Every structure is written in C-alpha cells, then in structure tokens.
C-alpha cells in the first residue's frame, strides 16, 4: 500500500508534509475559500428554499411589501 508524505489540513485543505503538520499555519484567505467550498451545498439549499418560499402566497406578499418599502423610502428623500 502506498503512503503519501502529505496530508490535507482539516482547516484549510492545503497539502502539508506529515512531519510539518504540527507547525502548519493556515493562510486566512485559503481557509475562508476552503470553508466556503465546504458550505456550498448549504448555501445552495438556502437559495432553493428561498425560491420555494417566494413562490407561496406569503412569500409573494413579503416580496411586494419589501418592494413597496423600498419605493416609499426612495420617494421620501429630499431631492438635491
């Protein structure tokens, strides 16, 4: 069986040498990208659930109400 000298960091996904695993410091940008990729299925689920909700009567009403509130807020600004 083949054993690699590298293992993935559980926090950022970077391939690091086994001997250096204890001294590895994650790059903050890489860590965020790794976590976003891991959470992508949950993000997609939120989008899907929102679409389903907005297709209901309650969702359509809330969308209309939000649009009305934005329209009213824009109309109440003093003109320059």
PDB file of N, CA and C in Angstrom:
ATOM      1  N   UNK A   1       0.848  -1.184   0.000  1.00  0.00           N
ATOM      2  CA  UNK A   1       0.000   0.000   0.000  1.00  0.00           C
ATOM      3  C   UNK A   1       0.885   1.236   0.000  1.00  0.00           C
ATOM      4  N   UNK A   2       0.475   2.258  -0.728  1.00  0.00           N
ATOM      5  CA  UNK A   2       1.234   3.494  -0.866  1.00  0.00           C
ATOM      6  C   UNK A   2       0.823   4.487   0.213  1.00  0.00           C
ATOM      7  N   UNK A   3       1.796   5.007   0.939  1.00  0.00           N
ATOM      8  CA  UNK A   3       1.552   6.042   1.949  1.00  0.00           C
ATOM      9  C   UNK A   3       2.153   7.342   1.464  1.00  0.00           C
ATOM     10  N   UNK A   4       1.343   8.365   1.388  1.00  0.00           N
ATOM     11  CA  UNK A   4       1.810   9.674   0.934  1.00  0.00           C
ATOM     12  C   UNK A   4       2.518  10.390   2.083  1.00  0.00           C
ATOM     13  N   UNK A   5       3.468  11.227   1.716  1.00  0.00           N
ATOM     14  CA  UNK A   5       4.149  12.057   2.710  1.00  0.00           C
ATOM     15  C   UNK A   5       3.323  13.293   3.042  1.00  0.00           C
ATOM     16  N   UNK A   6       2.238  13.475   2.322  1.00  0.00           N
ATOM     17  CA  UNK A   6       1.414  14.665   2.503  1.00  0.00           C
ATOM     18  C   UNK A   6       0.034  14.291   3.045  1.00  0.00           C
ATOM     19  N   UNK A   7      -0.508  15.188   3.853  1.00  0.00           N
ATOM     20  CA  UNK A   7      -1.867  15.046   4.360  1.00  0.00           C
ATOM     21  C   UNK A   7      -2.576  16.385   4.176  1.00  0.00           C
ATOM     22  N   UNK A   8      -3.897  16.370   4.038  1.00  0.00           N
ATOM     23  CA  UNK A   8      -4.607  17.650   3.910  1.00  0.00           C
ATOM     24  C   UNK A   8      -4.836  18.275   5.286  1.00  0.00           C
ATOM     25  N   UNK A   9      -4.701  19.572   5.346  1.00  0.00           N
ATOM     26  CA  UNK A   9      -5.031  20.300   6.571  1.00  0.00           C
ATOM     27  C   UNK A   9      -6.551  20.295   6.696  1.00  0.00           C
ATOM     28  N   UNK A  10      -7.059  19.937   7.856  1.00  0.00           N
ATOM     29  CA  UNK A  10      -8.508  19.873   8.056  1.00  0.00           C
ATOM     30  C   UNK A  10      -9.150  21.254   8.065  1.00  0.00           C
ATOM     31  N   UNK A  11      -8.378  22.295   8.300  1.00  0.00           N
ATOM     32  CA  UNK A  11      -8.916  23.648   8.394  1.00  0.00           C
ATOM     33  C   UNK A  11      -8.895  24.397   7.072  1.00  0.00           C
ATOM     34  N   UNK A  12      -7.815  24.217   6.278  1.00  0.00           N
ATOM     35  CA  UNK A  12      -7.706  24.975   5.031  1.00  0.00           C
ATOM     36  C   UNK A  12      -7.572  24.108   3.785  1.00  0.00           C
ATOM     37  N   UNK A  13      -7.374  22.804   3.954  1.00  0.00           N
ATOM     38  CA  UNK A  13      -7.294  21.898   2.818  1.00  0.00           C
ATOM     39  C   UNK A  13      -5.938  21.816   2.144  1.00  0.00           C
ATOM     40  N   UNK A  14      -4.997  22.599   2.592  1.00  0.00           N
ATOM     41  CA  UNK A  14      -3.674  22.598   1.962  1.00  0.00           C
ATOM     42  C   UNK A  14      -2.967  21.268   2.214  1.00  0.00           C
ATOM     43  N   UNK A  15      -2.242  20.783   1.203  1.00  0.00           N
ATOM     44  CA  UNK A  15      -1.438  19.578   1.368  1.00  0.00           C
ATOM     45  C   UNK A  15      -0.165  19.952   2.122  1.00  0.00           C
ATOM     46  N   UNK A  16       0.026  19.310   3.257  1.00  0.00           N
ATOM     47  CA  UNK A  16       1.214  19.598   4.073  1.00  0.00           C
ATOM     48  C   UNK A  16       1.950  18.296   4.359  1.00  0.00           C
ATOM     49  N   UNK A  17       3.252  18.410   4.519  1.00  0.00           N
ATOM     50  CA  UNK A  17       4.046  17.228   4.825  1.00  0.00           C
ATOM     51  C   UNK A  17       3.707  16.752   6.238  1.00  0.00           C
ATOM     52  N   UNK A  18       3.633  15.433   6.391  1.00  0.00           N
ATOM     53  CA  UNK A  18       3.277  14.854   7.684  1.00  0.00           C
ATOM     54  C   UNK A  18       4.177  15.373   8.805  1.00  0.00           C
ATOM     55  N   UNK A  19       5.450  15.491   8.519  1.00  0.00           N
ATOM     56  CA  UNK A  19       6.410  15.925   9.543  1.00  0.00           C
ATOM     57  C   UNK A  19       6.173  17.373   9.971  1.00  0.00           C
ATOM     58  N   UNK A  20       5.567  18.178   9.108  1.00  0.00           N
ATOM     59  CA  UNK A  20       5.359  19.594   9.399  1.00  0.00           C
ATOM     60  C   UNK A  20       3.922  19.904   9.805  1.00  0.00           C
ATOM     61  N   UNK A  21       3.120  18.884  10.024  1.00  0.00           N
ATOM     62  CA  UNK A  21       1.701  19.097  10.330  1.00  0.00           C
ATOM     63  C   UNK A  21       1.506  19.920  11.602  1.00  0.00           C
ATOM     64  N   UNK A  22       2.341  19.731  12.598  1.00  0.00           N
ATOM     65  CA  UNK A  22       2.199  20.461  13.852  1.00  0.00           C
ATOM     66  C   UNK A  22       2.578  21.918  13.758  1.00  0.00           C
ATOM     67  N   UNK A  23       3.412  22.265  12.788  1.00  0.00           N
ATOM     68  CA  UNK A  23       3.864  23.654  12.667  1.00  0.00           C
ATOM     69  C   UNK A  23       3.153  24.414  11.549  1.00  0.00           C
ATOM     70  N   UNK A  24       2.191  23.775  10.898  1.00  0.00           N
ATOM     71  CA  UNK A  24       1.483  24.409   9.788  1.00  0.00           C
ATOM     72  C   UNK A  24       0.633  25.570  10.284  1.00  0.00           C
ATOM     73  N   UNK A  25       0.701  26.692   9.563  1.00  0.00           N
ATOM     74  CA  UNK A  25      -0.136  27.856   9.846  1.00  0.00           C
ATOM     75  C   UNK A  25      -0.975  28.108   8.594  1.00  0.00           C
ATOM     76  N   UNK A  26      -2.292  28.106   8.772  1.00  0.00           N
ATOM     77  CA  UNK A  26      -3.200  28.289   7.641  1.00  0.00           C
ATOM     78  C   UNK A  26      -3.178  29.728   7.151  1.00  0.00           C
ATOM     79  N   UNK A  27      -3.217  29.874   5.831  1.00  0.00           N
ATOM     80  CA  UNK A  27      -3.380  31.184   5.207  1.00  0.00           C
ATOM     81  C   UNK A  27      -4.846  31.578   5.388  1.00  0.00           C
ATOM     82  N   UNK A  28      -5.128  32.749   5.976  1.00  0.00           N
ATOM     83  CA  UNK A  28      -6.519  33.129   6.240  1.00  0.00           C
ATOM     84  C   UNK A  28      -7.410  33.135   4.992  1.00  0.00           C
ATOM     85  N   UNK A  29      -6.885  33.602   3.874  1.00  0.00           N
ATOM     86  CA  UNK A  29      -7.675  33.655   2.644  1.00  0.00           C
ATOM     87  C   UNK A  29      -8.006  32.247   2.146  1.00  0.00           C
ATOM     88  N   UNK A  30      -7.019  31.365   2.200  1.00  0.00           N
ATOM     89  CA  UNK A  30      -7.238  29.974   1.785  1.00  0.00           C
ATOM     90  C   UNK A  30      -8.249  29.290   2.703  1.00  0.00           C
ATOM     91  N   UNK A  31      -8.174  29.576   4.006  1.00  0.00           N
ATOM     92  CA  UNK A  31      -9.099  28.976   4.966  1.00  0.00           C
ATOM     93  C   UNK A  31     -10.537  29.379   4.653  1.00  0.00           C
ATOM     94  N   UNK A  32     -10.753  30.662   4.343  1.00  0.00           N
ATOM     95  CA  UNK A  32     -12.101  31.140   4.014  1.00  0.00           C
ATOM     96  C   UNK A  32     -12.602  30.468   2.742  1.00  0.00           C
ATOM     97  N   UNK A  33     -11.768  30.384   1.714  1.00  0.00           N
ATOM     98  CA  UNK A  33     -12.163  29.745   0.458  1.00  0.00           C
ATOM     99  C   UNK A  33     -12.512  28.273   0.683  1.00  0.00           C
ATOM    100  N   UNK A  34     -11.733  27.588   1.509  1.00  0.00           N
ATOM    101  CA  UNK A  34     -11.972  26.177   1.813  1.00  0.00           C
ATOM    102  C   UNK A  34     -13.292  26.002   2.551  1.00  0.00           C
ATOM    103  N   UNK A  35     -13.549  26.863   3.508  1.00  0.00           N
ATOM    104  CA  UNK A  35     -14.787  26.780   4.270  1.00  0.00           C
ATOM    105  C   UNK A  35     -15.997  27.122   3.405  1.00  0.00           C
ATOM    106  N   UNK A  36     -15.851  28.084   2.503  1.00  0.00           N
ATOM    107  CA  UNK A  36     -16.949  28.427   1.595  1.00  0.00           C
ATOM    108  C   UNK A  36     -17.248  27.263   0.647  1.00  0.00           C
ATOM    109  N   UNK A  37     -16.213  26.612   0.152  1.00  0.00           N
ATOM    110  CA  UNK A  37     -16.416  25.458  -0.731  1.00  0.00           C
ATOM    111  C   UNK A  37     -17.117  24.331   0.024  1.00  0.00           C
ATOM    112  N   UNK A  38     -16.741  24.131   1.278  1.00  0.00           N
ATOM    113  CA  UNK A  38     -17.367  23.083   2.081  1.00  0.00           C
ATOM    114  C   UNK A  38     -18.828  23.411   2.380  1.00  0.00           C
ATOM    115  N   UNK A  39     -19.161  24.692   2.470  1.00  0.00           N
ATOM    116  CA  UNK A  39     -20.524  25.106   2.808  1.00  0.00           C
ATOM    117  C   UNK A  39     -21.392  25.352   1.577  1.00  0.00           C
ATOM    118  N   UNK A  40     -20.858  25.156   0.389  1.00  0.00           N
ATOM    119  CA  UNK A  40     -21.588  25.498  -0.833  1.00  0.00           C
ATOM    120  C   UNK A  40     -22.928  24.777  -0.934  1.00  0.00           C
ATOM    121  N   UNK A  41     -22.988  23.518  -0.530  1.00  0.00           N
ATOM    122  CA  UNK A  41     -24.263  22.796  -0.627  1.00  0.00           C
ATOM    123  C   UNK A  41     -25.314  23.404   0.303  1.00  0.00           C
ATOM    124  N   UNK A  42     -24.887  23.919   1.449  1.00  0.00           N
ATOM    125  CA  UNK A  42     -25.833  24.574   2.353  1.00  0.00           C
ATOM    126  C   UNK A  42     -26.282  25.916   1.786  1.00  0.00           C
ATOM    127  N   UNK A  43     -25.370  26.627   1.145  1.00  0.00           N
ATOM    128  CA  UNK A  43     -25.707  27.907   0.513  1.00  0.00           C
ATOM    129  C   UNK A  43     -26.717  27.678  -0.607  1.00  0.00           C
ATOM    130  N   UNK A  44     -26.477  26.645  -1.413  1.00  0.00           N
ATOM    131  CA  UNK A  44     -27.405  26.311  -2.492  1.00  0.00           C
ATOM    132  C   UNK A  44     -28.778  25.938  -1.933  1.00  0.00           C
ATOM    133  N   UNK A  45     -28.802  25.246  -0.802  1.00  0.00           N
ATOM    134  CA  UNK A  45     -30.074  24.854  -0.190  1.00  0.00           C
ATOM    135  C   UNK A  45     -30.852  26.086   0.260  1.00  0.00           C
ATOM    136  N   UNK A  46     -30.162  27.096   0.780  1.00  0.00           N
ATOM    137  CA  UNK A  46     -30.835  28.327   1.201  1.00  0.00           C
ATOM    138  C   UNK A  46     -31.464  29.000  -0.011  1.00  0.00           C
ATOM    139  N   UNK A  47     -30.735  29.077  -1.105  1.00  0.00           N
ATOM    140  CA  UNK A  47     -31.280  29.675  -2.329  1.00  0.00           C
ATOM    141  C   UNK A  47     -32.525  28.925  -2.792  1.00  0.00           C
ATOM    142  N   UNK A  48     -32.457  27.609  -2.767  1.00  0.00           N
ATOM    143  CA  UNK A  48     -33.584  26.793  -3.197  1.00  0.00           C
ATOM    144  C   UNK A  48     -34.796  26.990  -2.289  1.00  0.00           C
ATOM    145  N   UNK A  49     -34.564  26.999  -0.988  1.00  0.00           N
ATOM    146  CA  UNK A  49     -35.662  27.193  -0.036  1.00  0.00           C
ATOM    147  C   UNK A  49     -36.270  28.586  -0.165  1.00  0.00           C
ATOM    148  N   UNK A  50     -35.428  29.591  -0.414  1.00  0.00           N
ATOM    149  CA  UNK A  50     -35.938  30.947  -0.601  1.00  0.00           C
ATOM    150  C   UNK A  50     -36.820  31.022  -1.847  1.00  0.00           C
ATOM    151  N   UNK A  51     -36.379  30.410  -2.932  1.00  0.00           N
ATOM    152  CA  UNK A  51     -37.182  30.391  -4.151  1.00  0.00           C
ATOM    153  C   UNK A  51     -38.535  29.730  -3.905  1.00  0.00           C
ATOM    154  N   UNK A  52     -38.530  28.614  -3.176  1.00  0.00           N
ATOM    155  CA  UNK A  52     -39.787  27.928  -2.863  1.00  0.00           C
ATOM    156  C   UNK A  52     -40.695  28.826  -2.023  1.00  0.00           C
ATOM    157  N   UNK A  53     -40.117  29.501  -1.032  1.00  0.00           N
ATOM    158  CA  UNK A  53     -40.912  30.366  -0.164  1.00  0.00           C
ATOM    159  C   UNK A  53     -41.502  31.542  -0.946  1.00  0.00           C
ATOM    160  N   UNK A  54     -40.692  32.150  -1.798  1.00  0.00           N
ATOM    161  CA  UNK A  54     -41.176  33.301  -2.560  1.00  0.00           C
ATOM    162  C   UNK A  54     -42.257  32.926  -3.568  1.00  0.00           C
ATOM    163  N   UNK A  55     -42.401  31.642  -3.862  1.00  0.00           N
ATOM    164  CA  UNK A  55     -43.456  31.183  -4.757  1.00  0.00           C
ATOM    165  C   UNK A  55     -44.784  30.986  -4.016  1.00  0.00           C
ATOM    166  N   UNK A  56     -44.765  31.046  -2.683  1.00  0.00           N
ATOM    167  CA  UNK A  56     -46.002  30.895  -1.907  1.00  0.00           C
ATOM    168  C   UNK A  56     -46.706  32.250  -1.804  1.00  0.00           C
ATOM    169  N   UNK A  57     -47.947  32.224  -1.352  1.00  0.00           N
ATOM    170  CA  UNK A  57     -48.692  33.473  -1.158  1.00  0.00           C
ATOM    171  C   UNK A  57     -47.993  34.384  -0.159  1.00  0.00           C
ATOM    172  N   UNK A  58     -47.543  33.812   0.954  1.00  0.00           N
ATOM    173  CA  UNK A  58     -46.852  34.615   1.969  1.00  0.00           C
ATOM    174  C   UNK A  58     -45.558  35.211   1.411  1.00  0.00           C
ATOM    175  N   UNK A  59     -44.827  34.432   0.627  1.00  0.00           N
ATOM    176  CA  UNK A  59     -43.585  34.915   0.039  1.00  0.00           C
ATOM    177  C   UNK A  59     -43.810  36.027  -0.966  1.00  0.00           C
ATOM    178  N   UNK A  60     -44.836  35.870  -1.807  1.00  0.00           N
ATOM    179  CA  UNK A  60     -45.162  36.923  -2.777  1.00  0.00           C
ATOM    180  C   UNK A  60     -45.572  38.207  -2.067  1.00  0.00           C
ATOM    181  N   UNK A  61     -46.336  38.060  -0.976  1.00  0.00           N
ATOM    182  CA  UNK A  61     -46.744  39.234  -0.216  1.00  0.00           C
ATOM    183  C   UNK A  61     -45.531  39.938   0.378  1.00  0.00           C
ATOM    184  N   UNK A  62     -44.622  39.174   0.970  1.00  0.00           N
ATOM    185  CA  UNK A  62     -43.439  39.795   1.568  1.00  0.00           C
ATOM    186  C   UNK A  62     -42.560  40.463   0.511  1.00  0.00           C
ATOM    187  N   UNK A  63     -42.443  39.860  -0.664  1.00  0.00           N
ATOM    188  CA  UNK A  63     -41.669  40.477  -1.745  1.00  0.00           C
ATOM    189  C   UNK A  63     -42.318  41.786  -2.172  1.00  0.00           C
ATOM    190  N   UNK A  64     -43.644  41.781  -2.292  1.00  0.00           N
ATOM    191  CA  UNK A  64     -44.373  43.002  -2.645  1.00  0.00           C
ATOM    192  C   UNK A  64     -44.186  44.069  -1.572  1.00  0.00           C
ATOM    193  N   UNK A  65     -44.300  43.664  -0.298  1.00  0.00           N
ATOM    194  CA  UNK A  65     -44.149  44.593   0.817  1.00  0.00           C
ATOM    195  C   UNK A  65     -42.748  45.209   0.838  1.00  0.00           C
ATOM    196  N   UNK A  66     -41.737  44.382   0.601  1.00  0.00           N
ATOM    197  CA  UNK A  66     -40.356  44.882   0.577  1.00  0.00           C
ATOM    198  C   UNK A  66     -40.154  45.869  -0.565  1.00  0.00           C
ATOM    199  N   UNK A  67     -40.697  45.547  -1.736  1.00  0.00           N
ATOM    200  CA  UNK A  67     -40.576  46.453  -2.886  1.00  0.00           C
ATOM    201  C   UNK A  67     -41.283  47.768  -2.594  1.00  0.00           C
ATOM    202  N   UNK A  68     -42.443  47.703  -1.962  1.00  0.00           N
ATOM    203  CA  UNK A  68     -43.180  48.917  -1.613  1.00  0.00           C
ATOM    204  C   UNK A  68     -42.392  49.763  -0.623  1.00  0.00           C
ATOM    205  N   UNK A  69     -41.789  49.111   0.389  1.00  0.00           N
ATOM    206  CA  UNK A  69     -40.998  49.841   1.375  1.00  0.00           C
ATOM    207  C   UNK A  69     -39.795  50.532   0.732  1.00  0.00           C
ATOM    208  N   UNK A  70     -39.170  49.865  -0.214  1.00  0.00           N
ATOM    209  CA  UNK A  70     -38.023  50.468  -0.907  1.00  0.00           C
ATOM    210  C   UNK A  70     -38.501  51.645  -1.747  1.00  0.00           C
ATOM    211  N   UNK A  71     -39.610  51.460  -2.456  1.00  0.00           N
ATOM    212  CA  UNK A  71     -40.171  52.547  -3.265  1.00  0.00           C
ATOM    213  C   UNK A  71     -40.518  53.749  -2.394  1.00  0.00           C
ATOM    214  N   UNK A  72     -41.168  53.487  -1.258  1.00  0.00           N
ATOM    215  CA  UNK A  72     -41.542  54.574  -0.346  1.00  0.00           C
ATOM    216  C   UNK A  72     -40.310  55.274   0.219  1.00  0.00           C
ATOM    217  N   UNK A  73     -39.291  54.519   0.551  1.00  0.00           N
ATOM    218  CA  UNK A  73     -38.075  55.112   1.105  1.00  0.00           C
ATOM    219  C   UNK A  73     -37.374  55.990   0.071  1.00  0.00           C
ATOM    220  N   UNK A  74     -37.377  55.570  -1.170  1.00  0.00           N
ATOM    221  CA  UNK A  74     -36.761  56.372  -2.237  1.00  0.00           C
ATOM    222  C   UNK A  74     -37.555  57.639  -2.493  1.00  0.00           C
ATOM    223  N   UNK A  75     -38.861  57.559  -2.404  1.00  0.00           N
ATOM    224  CA  UNK A  75     -39.712  58.703  -2.680  1.00  0.00           C
ATOM    225  C   UNK A  75     -39.681  59.727  -1.571  1.00  0.00           C
ATOM    226  N   UNK A  76     -39.276  59.335  -0.370  1.00  0.00           N
ATOM    227  CA  UNK A  76     -39.305  60.267   0.757  1.00  0.00           C
ATOM    228  C   UNK A  76     -38.006  61.054   0.918  1.00  0.00           C
ATOM    229  N   UNK A  77     -37.019  60.761   0.069  1.00  0.00           N
ATOM    230  CA  UNK A  77     -35.755  61.509   0.161  1.00  0.00           C
ATOM    231  C   UNK A  77     -35.933  62.904  -0.432  1.00  0.00           C
ATOM    232  N   UNK A  78     -35.325  63.900   0.205  1.00  0.00           N
ATOM    233  CA  UNK A  78     -35.378  65.237  -0.413  1.00  0.00           C
ATOM    234  C   UNK A  78     -34.555  65.252  -1.699  1.00  0.00           C
ATOM    235  N   UNK A  79     -35.054  65.923  -2.708  1.00  0.00           N
ATOM    236  CA  UNK A  79     -34.318  65.974  -3.974  1.00  0.00           C
ATOM    237  C   UNK A  79     -33.197  67.009  -3.864  1.00  0.00           C
ATOM    238  N   UNK A  80     -32.141  66.714  -4.577  1.00  0.00           N
ATOM    239  CA  UNK A  80     -30.951  67.586  -4.494  1.00  0.00           C
ATOM    240  C   UNK A  80     -31.031  68.749  -5.415  1.00  0.00           C
TER     241      UNK A  80
END
